[in-house]
Amino acid sequence: MVKLQISDNGVGLDTGTSSPPRQGHGIVNMQARAASIGARLRVEPRAGGGACVALEWQLRPASAAVVG
């Protein structure tokens, strides 16, 4: 299993509103790309500011890989 976690101490995510204004598709695209390889992506605010992006990806054995 591959686990990747990236955190920062910046502004973070605005969780104070039920529907924040959308200006792009960054997180949606990241989730779609993770799903396309069978991975799980979490994007969460950090206490005190910043955000954490975590990806978990269960690798398949080479014999189970799809060639094409």
C-alpha atoms as a PDB file:
ATOM      1  CA  MET A   1       0.000   0.000   0.000  1.00  0.00           C
ATOM      2  CA  VAL A   2       1.179   3.486  -0.849  1.00  0.00           C
ATOM      3  CA  LYS A   3       0.257   6.280   1.574  1.00  0.00           C
ATOM      4  CA  LEU A   4       0.990   9.885   0.714  1.00  0.00           C
ATOM      5  CA  GLN A   5       0.122  12.785   2.998  1.00  0.00           C
ATOM      6  CA  ILE A   6       0.747  16.448   2.314  1.00  0.00           C
ATOM      7  CA  SER A   7      -0.031  19.112   4.925  1.00  0.00           C
ATOM      8  CA  ASP A   8       0.443  22.834   5.173  1.00  0.00           C
ATOM      9  CA  ASN A   9      -0.111  25.531   7.755  1.00  0.00           C
ATOM     10  CA  GLY A  10      -1.704  28.065   5.419  1.00  0.00           C
ATOM     11  CA  VAL A  11      -5.231  29.400   5.181  1.00  0.00           C
ATOM     12  CA  GLY A  12      -6.761  25.936   4.853  1.00  0.00           C
ATOM     13  CA  LEU A  13     -10.317  25.067   3.893  1.00  0.00           C
ATOM     14  CA  ASP A  14     -13.344  27.169   4.752  1.00  0.00           C
ATOM     15  CA  THR A  15     -15.652  24.833   6.641  1.00  0.00           C
ATOM     16  CA  GLY A  16     -17.805  27.610   8.085  1.00  0.00           C
ATOM     17  CA  THR A  17     -20.206  27.676   5.146  1.00  0.00           C
ATOM     18  CA  SER A  18     -22.431  24.930   3.845  1.00  0.00           C
ATOM     19  CA  SER A  19     -21.593  25.641   0.193  1.00  0.00           C
ATOM     20  CA  PRO A  20     -18.371  27.580  -0.386  1.00  0.00           C
ATOM     21  CA  PRO A  21     -18.024  29.453  -3.679  1.00  0.00           C
ATOM     22  CA  ARG A  22     -16.433  27.254  -6.323  1.00  0.00           C
ATOM     23  CA  GLN A  23     -13.800  28.850  -8.468  1.00  0.00           C
ATOM     24  CA  GLY A  24     -12.196  25.747  -9.895  1.00  0.00           C
ATOM     25  CA  HIS A  25     -12.249  21.991 -10.099  1.00  0.00           C
ATOM     26  CA  GLY A  26      -8.966  21.167  -8.333  1.00  0.00           C
ATOM     27  CA  ILE A  27     -10.231  18.886  -5.558  1.00  0.00           C
ATOM     28  CA  VAL A  28     -12.870  17.323  -7.812  1.00  0.00           C
ATOM     29  CA  ASN A  29     -10.194  16.522 -10.406  1.00  0.00           C
ATOM     30  CA  MET A  30      -7.837  15.126  -7.750  1.00  0.00           C
ATOM     31  CA  GLN A  31     -10.619  12.845  -6.463  1.00  0.00           C
ATOM     32  CA  ALA A  32     -11.459  11.682  -9.995  1.00  0.00           C
ATOM     33  CA  ARG A  33      -7.818  10.898 -10.757  1.00  0.00           C
ATOM     34  CA  ALA A  34      -7.410   9.006  -7.487  1.00  0.00           C
ATOM     35  CA  ALA A  35     -10.571   6.995  -8.203  1.00  0.00           C
ATOM     36  CA  SER A  36      -9.330   6.188 -11.719  1.00  0.00           C
ATOM     37  CA  ILE A  37      -6.384   4.261 -10.233  1.00  0.00           C
ATOM     38  CA  GLY A  38      -8.411   2.743  -7.404  1.00  0.00           C
ATOM     39  CA  ALA A  39      -7.035   5.062  -4.719  1.00  0.00           C
ATOM     40  CA  ARG A  40      -8.784   6.882  -1.880  1.00  0.00           C
ATOM     41  CA  LEU A  41      -8.265  10.644  -1.478  1.00  0.00           C
ATOM     42  CA  ARG A  42      -9.140  12.704   1.584  1.00  0.00           C
ATOM     43  CA  VAL A  43      -8.895  16.484   1.823  1.00  0.00           C
ATOM     44  CA  GLU A  44      -9.431  17.853   5.328  1.00  0.00           C
ATOM     45  CA  PRO A  45      -8.864  21.122   7.180  1.00  0.00           C
ATOM     46  CA  ARG A  46      -6.238  21.112   9.936  1.00  0.00           C
ATOM     47  CA  ALA A  47      -6.879  22.557  13.370  1.00  0.00           C
ATOM     48  CA  GLY A  48      -5.310  26.005  13.571  1.00  0.00           C
ATOM     49  CA  GLY A  49      -5.211  26.489   9.793  1.00  0.00           C
ATOM     50  CA  GLY A  50      -3.985  24.717   6.741  1.00  0.00           C
ATOM     51  CA  ALA A  51      -5.144  21.525   5.117  1.00  0.00           C
ATOM     52  CA  CYS A  52      -4.153  17.887   4.814  1.00  0.00           C
ATOM     53  CA  VAL A  53      -4.393  15.908   1.575  1.00  0.00           C
ATOM     54  CA  ALA A  54      -4.010  12.154   2.014  1.00  0.00           C
ATOM     55  CA  LEU A  55      -3.946   9.464  -0.661  1.00  0.00           C
ATOM     56  CA  GLU A  56      -4.111   5.717  -0.010  1.00  0.00           C
ATOM     57  CA  TRP A  57      -3.484   3.379  -2.912  1.00  0.00           C
ATOM     58  CA  GLN A  58      -3.457  -0.403  -2.724  1.00  0.00           C
ATOM     59  CA  LEU A  59      -1.052  -1.610  -5.399  1.00  0.00           C
ATOM     60  CA  ARG A  60      -1.943  -4.696  -7.373  1.00  0.00           C
ATOM     61  CA  PRO A  61       0.596  -7.454  -7.977  1.00  0.00           C
ATOM     62  CA  ALA A  62       2.303  -7.198 -11.388  1.00  0.00           C
ATOM     63  CA  SER A  63       0.482 -10.338 -12.579  1.00  0.00           C
ATOM     64  CA  ALA A  64      -2.879  -8.608 -11.953  1.00  0.00           C
ATOM     65  CA  ALA A  65      -1.959  -5.439 -13.838  1.00  0.00           C
ATOM     66  CA  VAL A  66      -4.021  -4.619 -16.868  1.00  0.00           C
ATOM     67  CA  VAL A  67      -1.981  -4.286 -20.044  1.00  0.00           C
ATOM     68  CA  GLY A  68      -3.441  -2.314 -22.806  1.00  0.00           C
END
